[in-house]
Amino acid sequence: MVKAHQPGESVFKSILPEDIDWKPFAAFPPTVRLAVIVGQPSEPGPYVIRVKVPAGVKLMPHKHPEDRIYTVMSGVFYIGLGERFDGDGVTAYPPGSVIVLPGNTWHFHWAKSGEYVTQVTAIGPLGLEYLDAHDDPREQHQQSTGSNTAFDPVTHRTIPAADRKMGR
């Protein structure tokens, strides 16, 4: 019996750094970029994404329903665990580090010493829920536009308020 391939994995392909398509992501601060490398994060199944965070940016306490494996590609990745941002409680991980983050673990990130890029491997769909709605850029978009929806440039979909809690 031949095993079926995962979506996007049925033929050999390579992704060179210059081919990576960095885009804003509705659930991240406006200067943060996300690139889909393999798979479709909004769908069930495996995916690989990269996240580029510029110097000084903080991602406030949030959680993901899916288990995640982070690989630090460049820069230093600072991550802390818990429901309150604590700059003194972050741990620094240099390039090449691998971090396993179980689903539904409250955590936060900080580009404390400069820009970093992480690669995230997980089984979708991707979800992201901020502890405090005021930290969620999707909520800020709703307040500034009066709209009850947000546009996700990664999936090219409009995101109803009910789905934004999960990062869809």
N, C-alpha and C. Protein backbone atom coordinates (compact mmCIF):
# COMPACT_ATOMS: atom_id res chain seq x y z
N MET A 1 0.85 -1.18 0.00
CA MET A 1 0.00 0.00 0.00
C MET A 1 0.89 1.24 0.00
N VAL A 2 0.60 2.17 -0.89
CA VAL A 2 1.36 3.41 -1.00
C VAL A 2 0.68 4.45 -0.11
N LYS A 3 1.47 5.07 0.75
CA LYS A 3 0.95 6.10 1.64
C LYS A 3 0.74 7.41 0.86
N ALA A 4 -0.38 8.06 1.10
CA ALA A 4 -0.67 9.34 0.45
C ALA A 4 0.24 10.42 1.01
N HIS A 5 0.61 11.36 0.15
CA HIS A 5 1.45 12.47 0.57
C HIS A 5 0.61 13.53 1.28
N GLN A 6 1.26 14.28 2.12
CA GLN A 6 0.60 15.42 2.75
C GLN A 6 0.42 16.52 1.70
N PRO A 7 -0.54 17.43 1.90
CA PRO A 7 -0.74 18.52 0.93
C PRO A 7 0.55 19.30 0.73
N GLY A 8 0.88 19.54 -0.53
CA GLY A 8 2.07 20.30 -0.87
C GLY A 8 3.37 19.52 -0.79
N GLU A 9 3.29 18.20 -0.54
CA GLU A 9 4.51 17.40 -0.37
C GLU A 9 4.59 16.23 -1.35
N SER A 10 3.85 16.27 -2.44
CA SER A 10 3.82 15.14 -3.36
C SER A 10 4.92 15.17 -4.42
N VAL A 11 5.60 16.31 -4.56
CA VAL A 11 6.71 16.42 -5.52
C VAL A 11 7.88 17.10 -4.85
N PHE A 12 9.08 16.80 -5.34
CA PHE A 12 10.28 17.44 -4.81
C PHE A 12 10.22 18.93 -5.13
N LYS A 13 10.58 19.73 -4.15
CA LYS A 13 10.71 21.17 -4.39
C LYS A 13 11.65 21.73 -3.33
N SER A 14 12.17 22.88 -3.61
CA SER A 14 13.02 23.56 -2.65
C SER A 14 12.57 25.00 -2.56
N ILE A 15 12.81 25.60 -1.43
CA ILE A 15 12.46 27.00 -1.21
C ILE A 15 13.76 27.70 -0.82
N LEU A 16 14.22 28.59 -1.67
CA LEU A 16 15.43 29.34 -1.39
C LEU A 16 15.07 30.59 -0.59
N PRO A 17 15.99 31.10 0.20
CA PRO A 17 15.68 32.29 1.01
C PRO A 17 15.12 33.45 0.20
N GLU A 18 15.63 33.66 -0.99
CA GLU A 18 15.14 34.78 -1.80
C GLU A 18 13.73 34.54 -2.35
N ASP A 19 13.24 33.32 -2.27
CA ASP A 19 11.90 33.00 -2.75
C ASP A 19 10.83 33.09 -1.66
N ILE A 20 11.25 33.35 -0.44
CA ILE A 20 10.30 33.42 0.67
C ILE A 20 9.46 34.69 0.54
N ASP A 21 8.16 34.53 0.64
CA ASP A 21 7.21 35.63 0.46
C ASP A 21 6.70 36.08 1.83
N TRP A 22 7.33 37.11 2.38
CA TRP A 22 6.97 37.62 3.70
C TRP A 22 5.74 38.51 3.59
N LYS A 23 4.77 38.28 4.49
CA LYS A 23 3.53 39.06 4.47
C LYS A 23 3.15 39.45 5.88
N PRO A 24 2.40 40.54 6.02
CA PRO A 24 1.83 40.83 7.34
C PRO A 24 0.81 39.75 7.70
N PHE A 25 0.55 39.58 8.96
CA PHE A 25 -0.43 38.60 9.44
C PHE A 25 -1.34 39.31 10.43
N ALA A 26 -2.64 39.20 10.24
CA ALA A 26 -3.61 39.98 11.00
C ALA A 26 -3.46 39.84 12.51
N ALA A 27 -2.98 38.70 12.99
CA ALA A 27 -2.89 38.46 14.43
C ALA A 27 -1.57 38.97 15.03
N PHE A 28 -0.68 39.51 14.20
CA PHE A 28 0.62 40.00 14.69
C PHE A 28 0.66 41.52 14.64
N PRO A 29 1.55 42.12 15.44
CA PRO A 29 1.77 43.57 15.29
C PRO A 29 2.13 43.89 13.84
N PRO A 30 1.85 45.11 13.39
CA PRO A 30 1.98 45.44 11.95
C PRO A 30 3.37 45.26 11.34
N THR A 31 4.44 45.36 12.13
CA THR A 31 5.78 45.24 11.57
C THR A 31 6.28 43.80 11.49
N VAL A 32 5.57 42.87 12.09
CA VAL A 32 5.96 41.46 12.08
C VAL A 32 5.52 40.83 10.76
N ARG A 33 6.33 39.93 10.23
CA ARG A 33 6.01 39.27 8.97
C ARG A 33 5.97 37.76 9.15
N LEU A 34 5.13 37.12 8.34
CA LEU A 34 4.97 35.67 8.35
C LEU A 34 5.11 35.18 6.91
N ALA A 35 5.75 34.02 6.75
CA ALA A 35 5.87 33.39 5.44
C ALA A 35 5.43 31.94 5.56
N VAL A 36 4.54 31.52 4.68
CA VAL A 36 4.13 30.11 4.64
C VAL A 36 5.17 29.39 3.78
N ILE A 37 5.82 28.39 4.37
CA ILE A 37 6.86 27.64 3.67
C ILE A 37 6.29 26.36 3.06
N VAL A 38 5.57 25.59 3.86
CA VAL A 38 4.98 24.33 3.41
C VAL A 38 3.60 24.19 4.04
N GLY A 39 2.65 23.67 3.27
CA GLY A 39 1.32 23.41 3.80
C GLY A 39 0.44 24.65 3.78
N GLN A 40 -0.70 24.52 4.42
CA GLN A 40 -1.66 25.61 4.52
C GLN A 40 -2.06 25.72 5.99
N PRO A 41 -1.50 26.70 6.71
CA PRO A 41 -1.74 26.79 8.15
C PRO A 41 -3.22 26.90 8.55
N SER A 42 -4.05 27.41 7.67
CA SER A 42 -5.46 27.57 8.02
C SER A 42 -6.25 26.26 7.90
N GLU A 43 -5.61 25.21 7.38
CA GLU A 43 -6.30 23.93 7.17
C GLU A 43 -5.73 22.85 8.10
N PRO A 44 -6.49 21.78 8.34
CA PRO A 44 -5.93 20.65 9.09
C PRO A 44 -4.76 20.04 8.32
N GLY A 45 -3.71 19.71 9.02
CA GLY A 45 -2.55 19.08 8.39
C GLY A 45 -1.26 19.79 8.77
N PRO A 46 -0.14 19.19 8.42
CA PRO A 46 1.15 19.77 8.79
C PRO A 46 1.42 21.07 8.03
N TYR A 47 2.13 21.96 8.70
CA TYR A 47 2.56 23.20 8.04
C TYR A 47 3.89 23.64 8.62
N VAL A 48 4.60 24.45 7.83
CA VAL A 48 5.83 25.10 8.27
C VAL A 48 5.70 26.56 7.89
N ILE A 49 5.91 27.44 8.87
CA ILE A 49 5.90 28.88 8.63
C ILE A 49 7.18 29.47 9.19
N ARG A 50 7.51 30.66 8.73
CA ARG A 50 8.58 31.44 9.35
C ARG A 50 7.99 32.76 9.81
N VAL A 51 8.52 33.23 10.92
CA VAL A 51 8.06 34.49 11.51
C VAL A 51 9.27 35.38 11.71
N LYS A 52 9.19 36.62 11.18
CA LYS A 52 10.28 37.59 11.28
C LYS A 52 9.78 38.74 12.16
N VAL A 53 10.49 38.96 13.27
CA VAL A 53 10.08 39.99 14.24
C VAL A 53 11.20 41.03 14.34
N PRO A 54 10.89 42.31 14.04
CA PRO A 54 11.92 43.34 14.11
C PRO A 54 12.32 43.68 15.55
N ALA A 55 13.48 44.28 15.68
CA ALA A 55 14.03 44.65 16.99
C ALA A 55 13.01 45.43 17.83
N GLY A 56 12.93 45.05 19.09
CA GLY A 56 12.10 45.76 20.06
C GLY A 56 10.65 45.33 20.14
N VAL A 57 10.16 44.59 19.17
CA VAL A 57 8.75 44.21 19.15
C VAL A 57 8.47 43.13 20.19
N LYS A 58 7.33 43.29 20.87
CA LYS A 58 6.87 42.31 21.86
C LYS A 58 5.57 41.69 21.37
N LEU A 59 5.48 40.38 21.49
CA LEU A 59 4.21 39.70 21.28
C LEU A 59 3.71 39.32 22.67
N MET A 60 2.65 39.96 23.08
CA MET A 60 2.15 39.83 24.44
C MET A 60 1.58 38.44 24.69
N PRO A 61 1.27 38.11 25.96
CA PRO A 61 0.84 36.74 26.29
C PRO A 61 -0.29 36.23 25.37
N HIS A 62 -0.03 35.04 24.83
CA HIS A 62 -0.97 34.40 23.92
C HIS A 62 -0.73 32.89 23.97
N LYS A 63 -1.63 32.17 23.32
CA LYS A 63 -1.47 30.71 23.23
C LYS A 63 -1.98 30.24 21.89
N HIS A 64 -1.55 29.04 21.52
CA HIS A 64 -1.96 28.38 20.29
C HIS A 64 -2.57 27.04 20.67
N PRO A 65 -3.64 26.61 20.02
CA PRO A 65 -4.22 25.31 20.37
C PRO A 65 -3.33 24.15 19.92
N GLU A 66 -2.51 24.37 18.90
CA GLU A 66 -1.68 23.30 18.37
C GLU A 66 -0.31 23.27 19.05
N ASP A 67 0.25 22.05 19.17
CA ASP A 67 1.64 21.90 19.61
C ASP A 67 2.52 22.52 18.53
N ARG A 68 3.64 23.13 18.97
CA ARG A 68 4.52 23.79 18.01
C ARG A 68 5.98 23.45 18.28
N ILE A 69 6.75 23.39 17.22
CA ILE A 69 8.19 23.25 17.33
C ILE A 69 8.81 24.47 16.65
N TYR A 70 9.52 25.27 17.43
CA TYR A 70 10.19 26.46 16.93
C TYR A 70 11.66 26.12 16.67
N THR A 71 12.19 26.56 15.54
CA THR A 71 13.62 26.51 15.27
C THR A 71 14.08 27.93 15.03
N VAL A 72 15.09 28.37 15.75
CA VAL A 72 15.59 29.73 15.58
C VAL A 72 16.50 29.74 14.35
N MET A 73 16.11 30.53 13.36
CA MET A 73 16.86 30.61 12.10
C MET A 73 17.94 31.68 12.17
N SER A 74 17.61 32.84 12.76
CA SER A 74 18.57 33.94 12.87
C SER A 74 18.17 34.83 14.03
N GLY A 75 19.12 35.60 14.52
CA GLY A 75 18.88 36.46 15.67
C GLY A 75 18.77 35.64 16.94
N VAL A 76 18.33 36.30 17.99
CA VAL A 76 18.12 35.63 19.28
C VAL A 76 16.63 35.70 19.59
N PHE A 77 16.05 34.55 19.85
CA PHE A 77 14.62 34.40 20.14
C PHE A 77 14.45 34.40 21.65
N TYR A 78 13.72 35.38 22.16
CA TYR A 78 13.44 35.47 23.59
C TYR A 78 11.99 35.05 23.80
N ILE A 79 11.78 34.05 24.65
CA ILE A 79 10.43 33.57 24.94
C ILE A 79 10.29 33.38 26.44
N GLY A 80 9.12 33.72 26.95
CA GLY A 80 8.79 33.50 28.35
C GLY A 80 7.46 32.78 28.45
N LEU A 81 7.26 32.09 29.56
CA LEU A 81 6.01 31.37 29.77
C LEU A 81 5.19 32.07 30.84
N GLY A 82 3.88 32.05 30.67
CA GLY A 82 2.99 32.62 31.67
C GLY A 82 1.97 33.57 31.08
N GLU A 83 1.10 34.03 31.94
CA GLU A 83 -0.01 34.89 31.53
C GLU A 83 0.29 36.37 31.69
N ARG A 84 1.52 36.71 32.11
CA ARG A 84 1.91 38.11 32.27
C ARG A 84 3.27 38.31 31.61
N PHE A 85 3.37 39.36 30.78
CA PHE A 85 4.66 39.64 30.14
C PHE A 85 5.67 40.01 31.22
N ASP A 86 6.81 39.34 31.20
CA ASP A 86 7.87 39.58 32.18
C ASP A 86 9.19 39.60 31.44
N GLY A 87 9.69 40.80 31.16
CA GLY A 87 10.94 40.95 30.42
C GLY A 87 12.12 40.29 31.11
N ASP A 88 12.07 40.18 32.44
CA ASP A 88 13.15 39.52 33.17
C ASP A 88 13.00 38.01 33.15
N GLY A 89 11.83 37.53 32.72
CA GLY A 89 11.57 36.10 32.75
C GLY A 89 11.71 35.42 31.40
N VAL A 90 12.24 36.14 30.40
CA VAL A 90 12.42 35.52 29.09
C VAL A 90 13.74 34.76 29.05
N THR A 91 13.77 33.72 28.24
CA THR A 91 14.99 32.95 28.01
C THR A 91 15.44 33.21 26.58
N ALA A 92 16.75 33.41 26.41
CA ALA A 92 17.32 33.69 25.09
C ALA A 92 17.75 32.40 24.41
N TYR A 93 17.35 32.24 23.16
CA TYR A 93 17.73 31.07 22.37
C TYR A 93 18.43 31.54 21.09
N PRO A 94 19.69 31.13 20.89
CA PRO A 94 20.45 31.55 19.71
C PRO A 94 20.05 30.74 18.47
N PRO A 95 20.55 31.15 17.30
CA PRO A 95 20.26 30.40 16.07
C PRO A 95 20.63 28.92 16.22
N GLY A 96 19.76 28.08 15.66
CA GLY A 96 19.96 26.64 15.74
C GLY A 96 19.21 25.99 16.89
N SER A 97 18.73 26.79 17.84
CA SER A 97 17.98 26.25 18.97
C SER A 97 16.63 25.73 18.51
N VAL A 98 16.15 24.70 19.20
CA VAL A 98 14.82 24.13 18.94
C VAL A 98 14.04 24.20 20.24
N ILE A 99 12.82 24.73 20.17
CA ILE A 99 11.96 24.90 21.34
C ILE A 99 10.66 24.15 21.07
N VAL A 100 10.26 23.28 21.97
CA VAL A 100 8.99 22.55 21.85
C VAL A 100 7.99 23.25 22.76
N LEU A 101 6.90 23.72 22.18
CA LEU A 101 5.87 24.44 22.94
C LEU A 101 4.57 23.66 22.85
N PRO A 102 4.14 23.04 23.95
CA PRO A 102 2.86 22.32 23.92
C PRO A 102 1.69 23.27 23.64
N GLY A 103 0.68 22.78 22.96
CA GLY A 103 -0.51 23.59 22.70
C GLY A 103 -1.13 24.10 23.99
N ASN A 104 -1.80 25.25 23.87
CA ASN A 104 -2.51 25.89 24.98
C ASN A 104 -1.59 26.33 26.12
N THR A 105 -0.33 26.60 25.81
CA THR A 105 0.62 27.13 26.80
C THR A 105 0.71 28.64 26.62
N TRP A 106 0.36 29.39 27.65
CA TRP A 106 0.48 30.85 27.59
C TRP A 106 1.96 31.21 27.52
N HIS A 107 2.32 32.09 26.59
CA HIS A 107 3.71 32.49 26.41
C HIS A 107 3.76 33.87 25.75
N PHE A 108 4.96 34.43 25.67
CA PHE A 108 5.17 35.74 25.06
C PHE A 108 6.56 35.76 24.45
N HIS A 109 6.76 36.64 23.47
CA HIS A 109 8.03 36.77 22.77
C HIS A 109 8.50 38.22 22.83
N TRP A 110 9.81 38.40 22.67
CA TRP A 110 10.36 39.75 22.64
C TRP A 110 11.61 39.73 21.77
N ALA A 111 11.66 40.63 20.82
CA ALA A 111 12.87 40.79 20.00
C ALA A 111 13.80 41.74 20.75
N LYS A 112 14.25 41.29 21.88
CA LYS A 112 14.97 42.11 22.86
C LYS A 112 16.31 42.65 22.34
N SER A 113 17.06 41.82 21.62
CA SER A 113 18.40 42.23 21.20
C SER A 113 18.52 42.46 19.69
N GLY A 114 17.40 42.47 18.99
CA GLY A 114 17.42 42.68 17.55
C GLY A 114 16.43 41.77 16.85
N GLU A 115 16.36 41.90 15.54
CA GLU A 115 15.45 41.09 14.74
C GLU A 115 15.76 39.60 14.90
N TYR A 116 14.70 38.79 14.91
CA TYR A 116 14.89 37.34 14.88
C TYR A 116 13.94 36.73 13.86
N VAL A 117 14.31 35.54 13.40
CA VAL A 117 13.45 34.74 12.52
C VAL A 117 13.35 33.35 13.13
N THR A 118 12.12 32.88 13.32
CA THR A 118 11.90 31.51 13.77
C THR A 118 11.15 30.75 12.70
N GLN A 119 11.35 29.45 12.69
CA GLN A 119 10.57 28.57 11.83
C GLN A 119 9.69 27.73 12.74
N VAL A 120 8.41 27.69 12.43
CA VAL A 120 7.44 26.97 13.25
C VAL A 120 6.91 25.79 12.45
N THR A 121 6.97 24.61 13.06
CA THR A 121 6.43 23.40 12.46
C THR A 121 5.29 22.93 13.36
N ALA A 122 4.13 22.65 12.77
CA ALA A 122 2.97 22.26 13.56
C ALA A 122 1.95 21.55 12.67
N ILE A 123 0.89 21.09 13.30
CA ILE A 123 -0.25 20.49 12.61
C ILE A 123 -1.41 21.48 12.74
N GLY A 124 -1.91 21.95 11.60
CA GLY A 124 -2.97 22.95 11.59
C GLY A 124 -4.33 22.38 11.92
N PRO A 125 -5.27 23.29 12.06
CA PRO A 125 -5.16 24.70 11.71
C PRO A 125 -4.45 25.53 12.78
N LEU A 126 -3.73 26.55 12.30
CA LEU A 126 -3.05 27.49 13.18
C LEU A 126 -4.11 28.27 13.97
N GLY A 127 -3.84 28.47 15.24
CA GLY A 127 -4.70 29.30 16.06
C GLY A 127 -3.85 30.20 16.93
N LEU A 128 -4.40 31.35 17.29
CA LEU A 128 -3.70 32.29 18.15
C LEU A 128 -4.72 33.07 18.96
N GLU A 129 -4.63 32.97 20.28
CA GLU A 129 -5.54 33.68 21.18
C GLU A 129 -4.72 34.49 22.18
N TYR A 130 -4.92 35.79 22.18
CA TYR A 130 -4.26 36.66 23.16
C TYR A 130 -5.02 36.60 24.48
N LEU A 131 -4.28 36.67 25.58
CA LEU A 131 -4.89 36.68 26.90
C LEU A 131 -5.74 37.94 27.06
N ASP A 132 -5.20 39.08 26.65
CA ASP A 132 -5.89 40.37 26.76
C ASP A 132 -6.27 40.82 25.35
N ALA A 133 -7.55 41.00 25.11
CA ALA A 133 -8.02 41.40 23.78
C ALA A 133 -7.39 42.71 23.33
N HIS A 134 -6.99 43.56 24.25
CA HIS A 134 -6.36 44.84 23.88
C HIS A 134 -5.00 44.63 23.21
N ASP A 135 -4.39 43.48 23.40
CA ASP A 135 -3.10 43.17 22.78
C ASP A 135 -3.26 42.57 21.39
N ASP A 136 -4.47 42.24 21.01
CA ASP A 136 -4.73 41.55 19.75
C ASP A 136 -4.90 42.57 18.62
N PRO A 137 -3.97 42.60 17.65
CA PRO A 137 -4.09 43.56 16.55
C PRO A 137 -5.40 43.42 15.77
N ARG A 138 -5.99 42.24 15.76
CA ARG A 138 -7.27 42.07 15.07
C ARG A 138 -8.36 42.86 15.75
N GLU A 139 -8.31 42.95 17.07
CA GLU A 139 -9.29 43.75 17.82
C GLU A 139 -9.06 45.24 17.57
N GLN A 140 -7.79 45.64 17.49
CA GLN A 140 -7.46 47.04 17.23
C GLN A 140 -7.96 47.44 15.85
N HIS A 141 -7.85 46.53 14.87
CA HIS A 141 -8.37 46.77 13.53
C HIS A 141 -9.88 46.98 13.58
N GLN A 142 -10.55 46.15 14.35
CA GLN A 142 -12.01 46.25 14.46
C GLN A 142 -12.39 47.59 15.05
N GLN A 143 -11.68 48.02 16.10
CA GLN A 143 -12.01 49.28 16.77
C GLN A 143 -11.74 50.47 15.86
N SER A 144 -10.65 50.44 15.08
CA SER A 144 -10.29 51.58 14.25
C SER A 144 -11.16 51.70 13.01
N THR A 145 -11.69 50.58 12.52
CA THR A 145 -12.50 50.62 11.30
C THR A 145 -13.99 50.53 11.58
N GLY A 146 -14.34 50.09 12.78
CA GLY A 146 -15.74 49.87 13.08
C GLY A 146 -16.26 48.58 12.47
N SER A 147 -15.38 47.85 11.81
CA SER A 147 -15.76 46.60 11.16
C SER A 147 -15.71 45.46 12.15
N ASN A 148 -16.57 44.49 11.96
CA ASN A 148 -16.56 43.31 12.81
C ASN A 148 -15.77 42.18 12.15
N THR A 149 -15.02 42.49 11.07
CA THR A 149 -14.20 41.50 10.39
C THR A 149 -12.80 42.06 10.20
N ALA A 150 -11.85 41.20 9.92
CA ALA A 150 -10.49 41.59 9.59
C ALA A 150 -10.05 40.78 8.38
N PHE A 151 -9.10 41.31 7.62
CA PHE A 151 -8.61 40.60 6.44
C PHE A 151 -7.28 39.95 6.77
N ASP A 152 -7.14 38.68 6.43
CA ASP A 152 -5.90 37.94 6.66
C ASP A 152 -5.18 37.80 5.32
N PRO A 153 -4.05 38.50 5.14
CA PRO A 153 -3.37 38.45 3.85
C PRO A 153 -2.67 37.12 3.57
N VAL A 154 -2.49 36.27 4.58
CA VAL A 154 -1.87 34.97 4.36
C VAL A 154 -2.86 34.01 3.72
N THR A 155 -4.08 33.99 4.22
CA THR A 155 -5.09 33.09 3.67
C THR A 155 -5.98 33.78 2.65
N HIS A 156 -5.86 35.10 2.56
CA HIS A 156 -6.67 35.91 1.64
C HIS A 156 -8.16 35.78 1.95
N ARG A 157 -8.46 35.72 3.26
CA ARG A 157 -9.86 35.58 3.68
C ARG A 157 -10.22 36.71 4.61
N THR A 158 -11.50 37.02 4.65
CA THR A 158 -12.03 37.91 5.67
C THR A 158 -12.30 37.07 6.90
N ILE A 159 -11.91 37.59 8.05
CA ILE A 159 -12.01 36.82 9.29
C ILE A 159 -13.14 37.38 10.14
N PRO A 160 -14.24 36.65 10.30
CA PRO A 160 -15.32 37.11 11.19
C PRO A 160 -14.83 37.15 12.63
N ALA A 161 -15.44 38.00 13.43
CA ALA A 161 -15.03 38.14 14.83
C ALA A 161 -15.01 36.81 15.56
N ALA A 162 -15.95 35.93 15.31
CA ALA A 162 -16.01 34.64 16.01
C ALA A 162 -14.80 33.78 15.74
N ASP A 163 -14.18 33.91 14.57
CA ASP A 163 -13.02 33.09 14.21
C ASP A 163 -11.70 33.72 14.62
N ARG A 164 -11.66 35.03 14.92
CA ARG A 164 -10.40 35.69 15.21
C ARG A 164 -9.75 35.16 16.48
N LYS A 165 -10.52 34.69 17.42
CA LYS A 165 -9.94 34.16 18.66
C LYS A 165 -8.98 33.03 18.38
N MET A 166 -9.22 32.26 17.34
CA MET A 166 -8.35 31.12 17.02
C MET A 166 -7.30 31.47 15.97
N GLY A 167 -7.22 32.73 15.55
CA GLY A 167 -6.19 33.13 14.62
C GLY A 167 -6.50 32.79 13.17
N ARG A 168 -7.72 32.43 12.89
CA ARG A 168 -8.08 32.05 11.52
C ARG A 168 -8.39 33.26 10.68
